[in-house]
Amino acid sequence: LDDALLDHLAALNQADPESDLRDVRVRKAIAYAVDYDTVNQARSAGIARIANGPFPPGAPGYLEDTGYPTYDPDKARQLVEEYEAENGPIEIAYKTTNDQFNLVTAQLYQQFWEDIGIDVTLDQIEQGSFIGLALTGDFEAFGWRNHAGFDPDQQNIWWNSENAVQPGDFGLNFGRIRDDVIDENLDIIRTNPDPEARTQAAEAINRRFAEQVYDIWFEWPIWSIGHSPTVHNVLGGTTESGDPVLDVLGIGGAHQVSQIWIDESGN
């Protein structure tokens, strides 16, 4: 669904004072280094929609041009050289699950990043432990799918500074992002009833993510629900007043089971 959020991304930890990723130049470099078209063709058969931020087309906050870095390896190398002249070699540890498909995807990212002069190590983690490491902030960078929903306010728990707890404590702000611009606009989205003001706040968040590159956005995945043609009204329903209920694709949705019906004739 175009108006449902769900992103395939690499989260970057902002809490580790020893990490090169604390510098925005390094974060921008690894974003510029990725050939997103190649990733889409090689890992998603060209089906996925390449992302430029958290909000896909149709969602409040979507922008055709957020300012997010696009593929530019020369620009990436320039930023790496600038940073390394001041700080020494860049080293990044990237975590993924112990799934073979995810490993090959991570190796593709590793190739892009090493091509611009960054030393990358890959760590495969069992799925259950992987989630725990995300919650406790025990990572430098990792691949993830997140941010499902229909309203930007549903992302508050993932991005507000209150949830950017110290590493070791459980927190849903995985990257430990602390950003006054994001906090201010999350507050507008939560408290202001004006749809236009809320949309503008979401757009400001989108631009801030592009400017600071707290996450590497790869794609907006496409989800579907398979069902027999005799089953009707799977994706929605209406309230008692007749208003439509939001469609349900993505994490956190709920089928209106009482309004699903079957026509055995297949009509």
C-alpha atoms as a PDB file:
ATOM      1  CA  LEU A   1       0.000   0.000   0.000  1.00  0.00           C
ATOM      2  CA  ASP A   2       1.422   3.380  -0.924  1.00  0.00           C
ATOM      3  CA  ASP A   3       0.150   4.985   2.282  1.00  0.00           C
ATOM      4  CA  ALA A   4       1.588   2.331   4.611  1.00  0.00           C
ATOM      5  CA  LEU A   5       5.043   2.770   6.071  1.00  0.00           C
ATOM      6  CA  LEU A   6       7.639   0.028   6.255  1.00  0.00           C
ATOM      7  CA  ASP A   7      11.315   0.500   5.578  1.00  0.00           C
ATOM      8  CA  HIS A   8      14.323  -1.699   4.933  1.00  0.00           C
ATOM      9  CA  LEU A   9      17.196   0.222   6.480  1.00  0.00           C
ATOM     10  CA  ALA A  10      20.545   0.112   8.219  1.00  0.00           C
ATOM     11  CA  ALA A  11      20.335   1.624  11.683  1.00  0.00           C
ATOM     12  CA  LEU A  12      23.423   3.484  12.859  1.00  0.00           C
ATOM     13  CA  ASN A  13      24.180   3.726  16.567  1.00  0.00           C
ATOM     14  CA  GLN A  14      24.690   7.303  17.767  1.00  0.00           C
ATOM     15  CA  ALA A  15      25.568   6.408  21.370  1.00  0.00           C
ATOM     16  CA  ASP A  16      28.994   4.777  21.005  1.00  0.00           C
ATOM     17  CA  PRO A  17      31.607   7.520  21.539  1.00  0.00           C
ATOM     18  CA  GLU A  18      34.277   5.324  19.919  1.00  0.00           C
ATOM     19  CA  SER A  19      32.355   4.776  16.687  1.00  0.00           C
ATOM     20  CA  ASP A  20      33.322   6.574  13.501  1.00  0.00           C
ATOM     21  CA  LEU A  21      29.591   6.724  12.757  1.00  0.00           C
ATOM     22  CA  ARG A  22      29.223   9.531  15.294  1.00  0.00           C
ATOM     23  CA  ASP A  23      30.536  11.853  12.560  1.00  0.00           C
ATOM     24  CA  VAL A  24      27.945  12.892   9.965  1.00  0.00           C
ATOM     25  CA  ARG A  25      30.602  12.847   7.245  1.00  0.00           C
ATOM     26  CA  VAL A  26      31.070   9.108   7.740  1.00  0.00           C
ATOM     27  CA  ARG A  27      27.320   8.490   7.765  1.00  0.00           C
ATOM     28  CA  LYS A  28      26.936  10.475   4.551  1.00  0.00           C
ATOM     29  CA  ALA A  29      29.865   8.642   2.965  1.00  0.00           C
ATOM     30  CA  ILE A  30      28.323   5.210   3.509  1.00  0.00           C
ATOM     31  CA  ALA A  31      25.021   6.510   2.129  1.00  0.00           C
ATOM     32  CA  TYR A  32      26.687   7.955  -0.978  1.00  0.00           C
ATOM     33  CA  ALA A  33      28.601   4.678  -1.464  1.00  0.00           C
ATOM     34  CA  VAL A  34      25.543   2.469  -1.983  1.00  0.00           C
ATOM     35  CA  ASP A  35      24.352   1.790  -5.533  1.00  0.00           C
ATOM     36  CA  TYR A  36      20.671   1.561  -4.633  1.00  0.00           C
ATOM     37  CA  ASP A  37      19.574   0.469  -8.115  1.00  0.00           C
ATOM     38  CA  THR A  38      21.983  -2.470  -7.999  1.00  0.00           C
ATOM     39  CA  VAL A  39      20.773  -3.434  -4.526  1.00  0.00           C
ATOM     40  CA  ASN A  40      17.174  -3.326  -5.729  1.00  0.00           C
ATOM     41  CA  GLN A  41      17.858  -5.429  -8.814  1.00  0.00           C
ATOM     42  CA  ALA A  42      20.150  -7.930  -7.109  1.00  0.00           C
ATOM     43  CA  ARG A  43      18.233  -8.455  -3.858  1.00  0.00           C
ATOM     44  CA  SER A  44      14.620  -7.496  -4.658  1.00  0.00           C
ATOM     45  CA  ALA A  45      14.341  -8.391  -8.368  1.00  0.00           C
ATOM     46  CA  GLY A  46      13.762  -4.693  -9.098  1.00  0.00           C
ATOM     47  CA  ILE A  47      10.348  -4.828  -7.440  1.00  0.00           C
ATOM     48  CA  ALA A  48      10.988  -2.731  -4.329  1.00  0.00           C
ATOM     49  CA  ARG A  49      10.735   1.039  -4.295  1.00  0.00           C
ATOM     50  CA  ILE A  50      14.054   2.748  -3.525  1.00  0.00           C
ATOM     51  CA  ALA A  51      13.639   4.876  -0.407  1.00  0.00           C
ATOM     52  CA  ASN A  52      14.894   8.398   0.290  1.00  0.00           C
ATOM     53  CA  GLY A  53      13.631   8.539   3.879  1.00  0.00           C
ATOM     54  CA  PRO A  54      11.098   6.956   6.218  1.00  0.00           C
ATOM     55  CA  PHE A  55       7.898   8.144   4.499  1.00  0.00           C
ATOM     56  CA  PRO A  56       6.798   6.486   1.220  1.00  0.00           C
ATOM     57  CA  PRO A  57       4.565   8.021  -1.474  1.00  0.00           C
ATOM     58  CA  GLY A  58       1.054   8.603  -0.172  1.00  0.00           C
ATOM     59  CA  ALA A  59       2.127   8.982   3.468  1.00  0.00           C
ATOM     60  CA  PRO A  60       2.154  12.326   5.294  1.00  0.00           C
ATOM     61  CA  GLY A  61       5.705  13.615   5.195  1.00  0.00           C
ATOM     62  CA  TYR A  62       6.653  12.068   1.847  1.00  0.00           C
ATOM     63  CA  LEU A  63       8.916  14.262  -0.283  1.00  0.00           C
ATOM     64  CA  GLU A  64      10.032  13.492  -3.813  1.00  0.00           C
ATOM     65  CA  ASP A  65      13.423  14.982  -2.937  1.00  0.00           C
ATOM     66  CA  THR A  66      14.399  14.879   0.733  1.00  0.00           C
ATOM     67  CA  GLY A  67      18.039  15.713   0.143  1.00  0.00           C
ATOM     68  CA  TYR A  68      19.093  12.189   1.124  1.00  0.00           C
ATOM     69  CA  PRO A  69      22.423  11.179  -0.464  1.00  0.00           C
ATOM     70  CA  THR A  70      22.121   9.311  -3.754  1.00  0.00           C
ATOM     71  CA  TYR A  71      24.778   7.081  -5.298  1.00  0.00           C
ATOM     72  CA  ASP A  72      27.980   9.093  -5.683  1.00  0.00           C
ATOM     73  CA  PRO A  73      31.115   7.050  -4.862  1.00  0.00           C
ATOM     74  CA  ASP A  74      33.444   9.945  -5.688  1.00  0.00           C
ATOM     75  CA  LYS A  75      31.694  12.142  -3.126  1.00  0.00           C
ATOM     76  CA  ALA A  76      31.836   9.252  -0.660  1.00  0.00           C
ATOM     77  CA  ARG A  77      35.607   8.843  -1.130  1.00  0.00           C
ATOM     78  CA  GLN A  78      36.105  12.577  -0.692  1.00  0.00           C
ATOM     79  CA  LEU A  79      34.314  12.492   2.673  1.00  0.00           C
ATOM     80  CA  VAL A  80      36.247   9.400   3.767  1.00  0.00           C
ATOM     81  CA  GLU A  81      39.580  10.993   2.881  1.00  0.00           C
ATOM     82  CA  GLU A  82      38.636  14.188   4.705  1.00  0.00           C
ATOM     83  CA  TYR A  83      37.625  12.328   7.842  1.00  0.00           C
ATOM     84  CA  GLU A  84      40.568   9.925   7.846  1.00  0.00           C
ATOM     85  CA  ALA A  85      43.049  12.810   7.443  1.00  0.00           C
ATOM     86  CA  GLU A  86      41.832  14.040  10.832  1.00  0.00           C
ATOM     87  CA  ASN A  87      40.965  10.796  12.627  1.00  0.00           C
ATOM     88  CA  GLY A  88      42.657   7.825  11.006  1.00  0.00           C
ATOM     89  CA  PRO A  89      41.112   4.792   9.255  1.00  0.00           C
ATOM     90  CA  ILE A  90      37.348   4.239   9.410  1.00  0.00           C
ATOM     91  CA  GLU A  91      36.247   0.862  10.737  1.00  0.00           C
ATOM     92  CA  ILE A  92      32.613  -0.265  10.843  1.00  0.00           C
ATOM     93  CA  ALA A  93      31.061  -3.458  12.214  1.00  0.00           C
ATOM     94  CA  TYR A  94      27.798  -4.406  10.497  1.00  0.00           C
ATOM     95  CA  LYS A  95      25.449  -6.948  12.088  1.00  0.00           C
ATOM     96  CA  THR A  96      22.892  -9.094  10.300  1.00  0.00           C
ATOM     97  CA  THR A  97      21.045 -12.319  11.089  1.00  0.00           C
ATOM     98  CA  ASN A  98      22.358 -15.839  10.405  1.00  0.00           C
ATOM     99  CA  ASP A  99      20.186 -16.137   7.321  1.00  0.00           C
ATOM    100  CA  GLN A 100      22.148 -16.834   4.124  1.00  0.00           C
ATOM    101  CA  PHE A 101      20.144 -14.365   2.044  1.00  0.00           C
ATOM    102  CA  ASN A 102      20.796 -11.592   4.560  1.00  0.00           C
ATOM    103  CA  LEU A 103      24.490 -12.459   4.619  1.00  0.00           C
ATOM    104  CA  VAL A 104      24.784 -12.064   0.845  1.00  0.00           C
ATOM    105  CA  THR A 105      22.970  -8.725   1.090  1.00  0.00           C
ATOM    106  CA  ALA A 106      25.359  -7.585   3.824  1.00  0.00           C
ATOM    107  CA  GLN A 107      28.331  -8.663   1.699  1.00  0.00           C
ATOM    108  CA  LEU A 108      27.031  -6.449  -1.106  1.00  0.00           C
ATOM    109  CA  TYR A 109      26.938  -3.464   1.273  1.00  0.00           C
ATOM    110  CA  GLN A 110      30.388  -4.391   2.516  1.00  0.00           C
ATOM    111  CA  GLN A 111      31.692  -4.281  -1.059  1.00  0.00           C
ATOM    112  CA  PHE A 112      30.262  -0.801  -1.643  1.00  0.00           C
ATOM    113  CA  TRP A 113      31.730   0.540   1.592  1.00  0.00           C
ATOM    114  CA  GLU A 114      35.141  -1.050   1.172  1.00  0.00           C
ATOM    115  CA  ASP A 115      35.309   0.347  -2.371  1.00  0.00           C
ATOM    116  CA  ILE A 116      35.341   3.868  -0.885  1.00  0.00           C
ATOM    117  CA  GLY A 117      38.042   3.010   1.654  1.00  0.00           C
ATOM    118  CA  ILE A 118      36.131   1.878   4.756  1.00  0.00           C
ATOM    119  CA  ASP A 119      37.133  -1.284   6.619  1.00  0.00           C
ATOM    120  CA  VAL A 120      33.958  -3.323   7.249  1.00  0.00           C
ATOM    121  CA  THR A 121      33.501  -6.447   9.362  1.00  0.00           C
ATOM    122  CA  LEU A 122      30.326  -8.529   9.226  1.00  0.00           C
ATOM    123  CA  ASP A 123      28.776 -10.249  12.228  1.00  0.00           C
ATOM    124  CA  GLN A 124      25.982 -12.810  11.845  1.00  0.00           C
ATOM    125  CA  ILE A 125      23.750 -13.069  14.888  1.00  0.00           C
ATOM    126  CA  GLU A 126      20.970 -15.570  15.689  1.00  0.00           C
ATOM    127  CA  GLN A 127      17.560 -13.903  15.207  1.00  0.00           C
ATOM    128  CA  GLY A 128      16.489 -13.962  18.858  1.00  0.00           C
ATOM    129  CA  SER A 129      19.776 -12.490  20.057  1.00  0.00           C
ATOM    130  CA  PHE A 130      19.769 -10.002  17.177  1.00  0.00           C
ATOM    131  CA  ILE A 131      16.573  -8.385  18.465  1.00  0.00           C
ATOM    132  CA  GLY A 132      18.032  -8.178  21.958  1.00  0.00           C
ATOM    133  CA  LEU A 133      21.145  -6.408  20.679  1.00  0.00           C
ATOM    134  CA  ALA A 134      18.953  -3.864  18.909  1.00  0.00           C
ATOM    135  CA  LEU A 135      16.985  -3.157  22.070  1.00  0.00           C
ATOM    136  CA  THR A 136      20.087  -2.708  24.210  1.00  0.00           C
ATOM    137  CA  GLY A 137      21.989  -0.671  21.626  1.00  0.00           C
ATOM    138  CA  ASP A 138      24.763  -3.263  21.430  1.00  0.00           C
ATOM    139  CA  PHE A 139      25.721  -2.675  17.812  1.00  0.00           C
ATOM    140  CA  GLU A 140      27.395  -0.187  15.528  1.00  0.00           C
ATOM    141  CA  ALA A 141      25.290  -0.743  12.407  1.00  0.00           C
ATOM    142  CA  PHE A 142      22.704  -3.383  11.569  1.00  0.00           C
ATOM    143  CA  GLY A 143      20.107  -4.224   8.932  1.00  0.00           C
ATOM    144  CA  TRP A 144      16.471  -3.953   9.932  1.00  0.00           C
ATOM    145  CA  ARG A 145      12.887  -3.574   8.748  1.00  0.00           C
ATOM    146  CA  ASN A 146      10.827  -1.148  10.753  1.00  0.00           C
ATOM    147  CA  HIS A 147       8.491   1.850  10.821  1.00  0.00           C
ATOM    148  CA  ALA A 148       5.233   0.282   9.738  1.00  0.00           C
ATOM    149  CA  GLY A 149       2.076   2.348  10.170  1.00  0.00           C
ATOM    150  CA  PHE A 150      -0.119   4.937   8.519  1.00  0.00           C
ATOM    151  CA  ASP A 151       0.383   8.052  10.645  1.00  0.00           C
ATOM    152  CA  PRO A 152       3.775   9.676  11.404  1.00  0.00           C
ATOM    153  CA  ASP A 153       2.839   9.742  15.097  1.00  0.00           C
ATOM    154  CA  GLN A 154       3.234   5.962  15.118  1.00  0.00           C
ATOM    155  CA  GLN A 155       6.987   6.528  14.700  1.00  0.00           C
ATOM    156  CA  ASN A 156       7.304   8.591  17.890  1.00  0.00           C
ATOM    157  CA  ILE A 157       8.460   5.648  19.990  1.00  0.00           C
ATOM    158  CA  TRP A 158      11.305   4.887  17.577  1.00  0.00           C
ATOM    159  CA  TRP A 159      12.736   8.398  17.271  1.00  0.00           C
ATOM    160  CA  ASN A 160      12.054  10.524  20.360  1.00  0.00           C
ATOM    161  CA  SER A 161      15.002  11.356  22.615  1.00  0.00           C
ATOM    162  CA  GLU A 162      13.261   9.993  25.706  1.00  0.00           C
ATOM    163  CA  ASN A 163      13.669   6.517  24.239  1.00  0.00           C
ATOM    164  CA  ALA A 164      17.348   7.099  23.430  1.00  0.00           C
ATOM    165  CA  VAL A 165      18.414   5.395  26.658  1.00  0.00           C
ATOM    166  CA  GLN A 166      21.972   4.507  27.559  1.00  0.00           C
ATOM    167  CA  PRO A 167      23.406   1.405  25.857  1.00  0.00           C
ATOM    168  CA  GLY A 168      22.677  -1.658  27.924  1.00  0.00           C
ATOM    169  CA  ASP A 169      19.164  -0.501  28.810  1.00  0.00           C
ATOM    170  CA  PHE A 170      16.166  -1.532  26.712  1.00  0.00           C
ATOM    171  CA  GLY A 171      15.095   1.237  24.337  1.00  0.00           C
ATOM    172  CA  LEU A 172      13.022   1.361  21.149  1.00  0.00           C
ATOM    173  CA  ASN A 173      15.070   4.247  19.789  1.00  0.00           C
ATOM    174  CA  PHE A 174      17.591   1.684  18.555  1.00  0.00           C
ATOM    175  CA  GLY A 175      20.093   4.181  17.138  1.00  0.00           C
ATOM    176  CA  ARG A 176      19.907   6.320  20.305  1.00  0.00           C
ATOM    177  CA  ILE A 177      19.050   9.361  18.183  1.00  0.00           C
ATOM    178  CA  ARG A 178      18.879  12.593  20.157  1.00  0.00           C
ATOM    179  CA  ASP A 179      17.800  15.429  17.891  1.00  0.00           C
ATOM    180  CA  ASP A 180      15.933  18.569  18.955  1.00  0.00           C
ATOM    181  CA  VAL A 181      14.518  19.127  15.457  1.00  0.00           C
ATOM    182  CA  ILE A 182      13.027  15.639  15.356  1.00  0.00           C
ATOM    183  CA  ASP A 183      11.692  15.934  18.924  1.00  0.00           C
ATOM    184  CA  GLU A 184      10.063  19.292  18.214  1.00  0.00           C
ATOM    185  CA  ASN A 185       8.293  18.051  15.119  1.00  0.00           C
ATOM    186  CA  LEU A 186       7.247  14.764  16.726  1.00  0.00           C
ATOM    187  CA  ASP A 187       5.574  16.908  19.394  1.00  0.00           C
ATOM    188  CA  ILE A 188       3.734  18.920  16.729  1.00  0.00           C
ATOM    189  CA  ILE A 189       2.509  15.729  15.099  1.00  0.00           C
ATOM    190  CA  ARG A 190       1.269  14.405  18.447  1.00  0.00           C
ATOM    191  CA  THR A 191      -0.421  17.571  19.731  1.00  0.00           C
ATOM    192  CA  ASN A 192      -1.493  19.718  16.772  1.00  0.00           C
ATOM    193  CA  PRO A 193      -4.915  18.808  15.264  1.00  0.00           C
ATOM    194  CA  ASP A 194      -4.236  20.759  12.042  1.00  0.00           C
ATOM    195  CA  PRO A 195      -3.491  18.215   9.261  1.00  0.00           C
ATOM    196  CA  GLU A 196      -1.366  20.716   7.346  1.00  0.00           C
ATOM    197  CA  ALA A 197       0.790  21.488  10.384  1.00  0.00           C
ATOM    198  CA  ARG A 198       1.247  17.784  11.046  1.00  0.00           C
ATOM    199  CA  THR A 199       2.241  17.144   7.424  1.00  0.00           C
ATOM    200  CA  GLN A 200       4.761  19.982   7.488  1.00  0.00           C
ATOM    201  CA  ALA A 201       6.237  18.589  10.708  1.00  0.00           C
ATOM    202  CA  ALA A 202       6.582  15.141   9.123  1.00  0.00           C
ATOM    203  CA  GLU A 203       8.310  16.707   6.120  1.00  0.00           C
ATOM    204  CA  ALA A 204      10.726  18.498   8.469  1.00  0.00           C
ATOM    205  CA  ILE A 205      11.554  15.148  10.101  1.00  0.00           C
ATOM    206  CA  ASN A 206      12.104  13.620   6.667  1.00  0.00           C
ATOM    207  CA  ARG A 207      14.548  16.380   5.717  1.00  0.00           C
ATOM    208  CA  ARG A 208      16.353  16.092   9.056  1.00  0.00           C
ATOM    209  CA  PHE A 209      16.912  12.365   8.550  1.00  0.00           C
ATOM    210  CA  ALA A 210      18.325  13.102   5.098  1.00  0.00           C
ATOM    211  CA  GLU A 211      20.578  15.849   6.440  1.00  0.00           C
ATOM    212  CA  GLN A 212      21.975  13.879   9.373  1.00  0.00           C
ATOM    213  CA  VAL A 213      21.777  10.349   7.861  1.00  0.00           C
ATOM    214  CA  TYR A 214      20.871   8.662  11.126  1.00  0.00           C
ATOM    215  CA  ASP A 215      19.730   5.667   9.055  1.00  0.00           C
ATOM    216  CA  ILE A 216      20.651   4.307   5.641  1.00  0.00           C
ATOM    217  CA  TRP A 217      17.359   3.943   3.764  1.00  0.00           C
ATOM    218  CA  PHE A 218      17.350   1.145   1.189  1.00  0.00           C
ATOM    219  CA  GLU A 219      13.765   0.502   0.134  1.00  0.00           C
ATOM    220  CA  TRP A 220      10.080   0.716   0.933  1.00  0.00           C
ATOM    221  CA  PRO A 221       9.069  -2.970   0.773  1.00  0.00           C
ATOM    222  CA  ILE A 222       5.847  -4.057  -0.887  1.00  0.00           C
ATOM    223  CA  TRP A 223       3.642  -6.379   1.156  1.00  0.00           C
ATOM    224  CA  SER A 224       0.669  -8.486   0.144  1.00  0.00           C
ATOM    225  CA  ILE A 225      -1.881 -10.818   1.685  1.00  0.00           C
ATOM    226  CA  GLY A 226      -2.717 -13.945  -0.277  1.00  0.00           C
ATOM    227  CA  HIS A 227      -6.271 -15.260  -0.145  1.00  0.00           C
ATOM    228  CA  SER A 228      -8.790 -17.221  -2.144  1.00  0.00           C
ATOM    229  CA  PRO A 229     -10.897 -15.213  -4.641  1.00  0.00           C
ATOM    230  CA  THR A 230     -13.975 -16.424  -2.755  1.00  0.00           C
ATOM    231  CA  VAL A 231     -12.870 -14.403   0.323  1.00  0.00           C
ATOM    232  CA  HIS A 232     -13.951 -10.744   0.253  1.00  0.00           C
ATOM    233  CA  ASN A 233     -13.202  -7.583   2.229  1.00  0.00           C
ATOM    234  CA  VAL A 234      -9.874  -8.883   3.534  1.00  0.00           C
ATOM    235  CA  LEU A 235      -8.129  -5.510   3.613  1.00  0.00           C
ATOM    236  CA  GLY A 236     -10.688  -3.314   5.259  1.00  0.00           C
ATOM    237  CA  GLY A 237     -14.076  -2.647   6.668  1.00  0.00           C
ATOM    238  CA  THR A 238     -16.223   0.170   7.974  1.00  0.00           C
ATOM    239  CA  THR A 239     -17.002   1.573  11.397  1.00  0.00           C
ATOM    240  CA  GLU A 240     -20.554   1.700  12.776  1.00  0.00           C
ATOM    241  CA  SER A 241     -20.900   5.169  11.253  1.00  0.00           C
ATOM    242  CA  GLY A 242     -19.865   3.858   7.843  1.00  0.00           C
ATOM    243  CA  ASP A 243     -16.387   5.386   7.783  1.00  0.00           C
ATOM    244  CA  PRO A 244     -13.693   3.189   6.217  1.00  0.00           C
ATOM    245  CA  VAL A 245     -11.266   1.373   8.467  1.00  0.00           C
ATOM    246  CA  LEU A 246      -7.599   1.747   7.531  1.00  0.00           C
ATOM    247  CA  ASP A 247      -6.138  -1.015   5.379  1.00  0.00           C
ATOM    248  CA  VAL A 248      -4.002  -3.466   7.234  1.00  0.00           C
ATOM    249  CA  LEU A 249      -0.799  -4.315   5.366  1.00  0.00           C
ATOM    250  CA  GLY A 250       2.393  -3.953   7.342  1.00  0.00           C
ATOM    251  CA  ILE A 251       3.289  -4.559  10.941  1.00  0.00           C
ATOM    252  CA  GLY A 252       0.633  -3.704  13.481  1.00  0.00           C
ATOM    253  CA  GLY A 253      -2.423  -4.037  11.255  1.00  0.00           C
ATOM    254  CA  ALA A 254      -5.600  -5.920  12.146  1.00  0.00           C
ATOM    255  CA  HIS A 255      -8.134  -7.606   9.894  1.00  0.00           C
ATOM    256  CA  GLN A 256     -11.773  -6.716  10.472  1.00  0.00           C
ATOM    257  CA  VAL A 257     -12.693 -10.401  10.757  1.00  0.00           C
ATOM    258  CA  SER A 258     -16.355  -9.703  11.491  1.00  0.00           C
ATOM    259  CA  GLN A 259     -16.669  -8.007   8.080  1.00  0.00           C
ATOM    260  CA  ILE A 260     -14.845 -10.610   5.982  1.00  0.00           C
ATOM    261  CA  TRP A 261     -17.218 -12.798   3.976  1.00  0.00           C
ATOM    262  CA  ILE A 262     -17.079 -15.756   1.630  1.00  0.00           C
ATOM    263  CA  ASP A 263     -18.945 -16.300  -1.600  1.00  0.00           C
ATOM    264  CA  GLU A 264     -18.577 -19.969  -2.536  1.00  0.00           C
ATOM    265  CA  SER A 265     -19.678 -19.192  -6.086  1.00  0.00           C
ATOM    266  CA  GLY A 266     -16.436 -17.280  -6.601  1.00  0.00           C
ATOM    267  CA  ASN A 267     -18.191 -14.043  -7.597  1.00  0.00           C
END
